[in-house]
Structure formats: C-alpha cells, structure tokens
C-alpha cells in the first residue's frame, strides 16, 4: 500500500492567492508553488484563481477559493495525496459526514 501525504487545505472566499502571497513572507523555506486558474474557455471571469499550492516553513498548504459560502474559519480539511491511484472503496464505505458535536 502506498504511503499518503496528509496536509490541511485552507478555504477562502476569493483571496487564496493574496493569502498565500502573505503567508510565504512570514517564515523561511516558504514559497508559492503553483496557482491553478479556471480555464479560459469556461463561462465566468477568465483565469480566475481556483486554488493555490504554497509552502510555509516546509509545510505544504493548498488554498481553495470556495466562494462566499465557504470562508476561512477554524474548520480544517485534511487532504490525502497518494503516489499511486487507489480504490476509494474503504473511504466511501465510511458513509456521509456526521454533524459535529459540541465539546460541552
């Protein structure tokens, strides 16, 4: 079985690129790796930033422009990246997400 790389994904309204540009100035070994833009042949604004891959102090962090319904918050999404294509059977078998419970 391939080993997965796990990293958090930061969600923004529409400022993922600006946030990445800021975050990479805070610590050494930080840089913007890649900016993913919308295709120019699709409807909507041309070359809109969809996601930004960046590294802060060696930690990989993708930023996602999720729109006004998904703004940056205390929520964290963990991304699992595998070196090979794998079946999602065990992941799908977990079922739909459950509502979060209050710690109180």
Protein backbone atom coordinates (compact mmCIF):
# COMPACT_ATOMS: atom_id res chain seq x y z
CA UNK A 1 0.00 0.00 0.00
CA UNK A 2 1.30 3.45 -0.89
CA UNK A 3 2.03 5.94 1.84
CA UNK A 4 -0.20 9.01 1.85
CA UNK A 5 0.85 12.59 2.45
CA UNK A 6 -1.68 14.39 4.68
CA UNK A 7 -1.96 18.17 4.76
CA UNK A 8 -4.64 20.74 5.64
CA UNK A 9 -6.48 22.78 3.00
CA UNK A 10 -7.31 26.43 3.79
CA UNK A 11 -10.61 27.73 2.40
CA UNK A 12 -11.09 31.36 1.31
CA UNK A 13 -13.88 33.39 -0.26
CA UNK A 14 -11.77 34.65 -3.16
CA UNK A 15 -8.41 35.65 -1.65
CA UNK A 16 -6.39 32.40 -1.63
CA UNK A 17 -3.63 33.89 -3.83
CA UNK A 18 -3.34 37.04 -1.73
CA UNK A 19 -3.27 34.96 1.47
CA UNK A 20 -0.59 32.64 0.07
CA UNK A 21 1.49 35.65 -1.01
CA UNK A 22 1.27 36.98 2.56
CA UNK A 23 1.88 33.69 4.40
CA UNK A 24 5.07 32.92 2.46
CA UNK A 25 6.62 36.18 3.73
CA UNK A 26 6.31 35.10 7.37
CA UNK A 27 8.81 32.23 7.63
CA UNK A 28 11.89 30.88 5.85
CA UNK A 29 11.53 27.90 3.48
CA UNK A 30 8.22 29.34 2.26
CA UNK A 31 7.09 29.92 -1.32
CA UNK A 32 4.12 29.83 -3.68
CA UNK A 33 4.40 26.61 -5.66
CA UNK A 34 1.58 26.80 -8.19
CA UNK A 35 -1.54 28.82 -8.97
CA UNK A 36 -4.44 26.91 -10.54
CA UNK A 37 -6.77 29.10 -12.63
CA UNK A 38 -10.10 28.47 -14.29
CA UNK A 39 -9.95 27.54 -17.97
CA UNK A 40 -10.41 30.50 -20.27
CA UNK A 41 -12.99 28.62 -22.38
CA UNK A 42 -15.46 28.25 -19.48
CA UNK A 43 -18.23 30.71 -18.60
CA UNK A 44 -17.34 33.29 -15.97
CA UNK A 45 -14.33 35.52 -15.40
CA UNK A 46 -11.23 34.42 -17.32
CA UNK A 47 -8.33 32.92 -15.43
CA UNK A 48 -9.98 33.17 -12.01
CA UNK A 49 -7.77 31.68 -9.28
CA UNK A 50 -9.33 28.41 -8.10
CA UNK A 51 -6.60 27.04 -5.84
CA UNK A 52 -3.06 27.95 -4.80
CA UNK A 53 -0.42 25.44 -3.72
CA UNK A 54 2.08 27.01 -1.34
CA UNK A 55 4.62 26.00 1.29
CA UNK A 56 5.14 27.65 4.68
CA UNK A 57 8.21 26.56 6.67
CA UNK A 58 8.30 23.33 4.66
CA UNK A 59 4.59 22.53 5.24
CA UNK A 60 2.53 22.14 2.08
CA UNK A 61 -0.71 24.16 2.20
CA UNK A 62 -3.24 24.43 -0.60
CA UNK A 63 -5.60 27.40 -0.55
CA UNK A 64 -9.05 26.97 -2.09
CA UNK A 65 -11.31 29.80 -3.23
CA UNK A 66 -14.60 28.27 -2.11
CA UNK A 67 -16.74 31.34 -2.68
CA UNK A 68 -18.84 33.32 -0.19
CA UNK A 69 -20.43 30.19 1.27
CA UNK A 70 -17.03 28.84 2.38
CA UNK A 71 -14.88 31.42 4.11
CA UNK A 72 -11.74 30.87 6.18
CA UNK A 73 -12.70 29.63 9.63
CA UNK A 74 -11.48 27.38 12.41
CA UNK A 75 -12.53 24.38 10.34
CA UNK A 76 -9.78 22.25 8.81
CA UNK A 77 -9.99 19.98 5.79
CA UNK A 78 -7.26 17.33 5.54
CA UNK A 79 -6.19 16.25 2.07
CA UNK A 80 -4.71 12.80 1.46
CA UNK A 81 -2.42 12.53 -1.55
CA UNK A 82 -1.22 9.11 -2.69
CA UNK A 83 1.66 8.31 -5.01
CA UNK A 84 -0.48 5.81 -6.94
CA UNK A 85 -4.12 5.65 -7.96
CA UNK A 86 -6.03 3.66 -5.35
CA UNK A 87 -9.55 2.43 -4.89
CA UNK A 88 -11.70 4.72 -2.75
CA UNK A 89 -13.75 1.77 -1.52
CA UNK A 90 -12.70 2.00 2.17
CA UNK A 91 -13.06 5.79 2.20
CA UNK A 92 -16.52 5.75 0.59
CA UNK A 93 -17.59 2.97 2.96
CA UNK A 94 -17.26 5.38 5.88
CA UNK A 95 -20.57 6.91 4.83
CA UNK A 96 -21.75 10.52 4.82
CA UNK A 97 -20.23 13.04 7.22
CA UNK A 98 -21.86 13.32 10.63
CA UNK A 99 -22.72 16.65 12.24
CA UNK A 100 -20.07 17.90 14.65
CA UNK A 101 -20.91 17.64 18.32
CA UNK A 102 -20.39 20.47 20.74
CA UNK A 103 -17.49 19.88 23.16
CA UNK A 104 -19.75 20.93 26.05
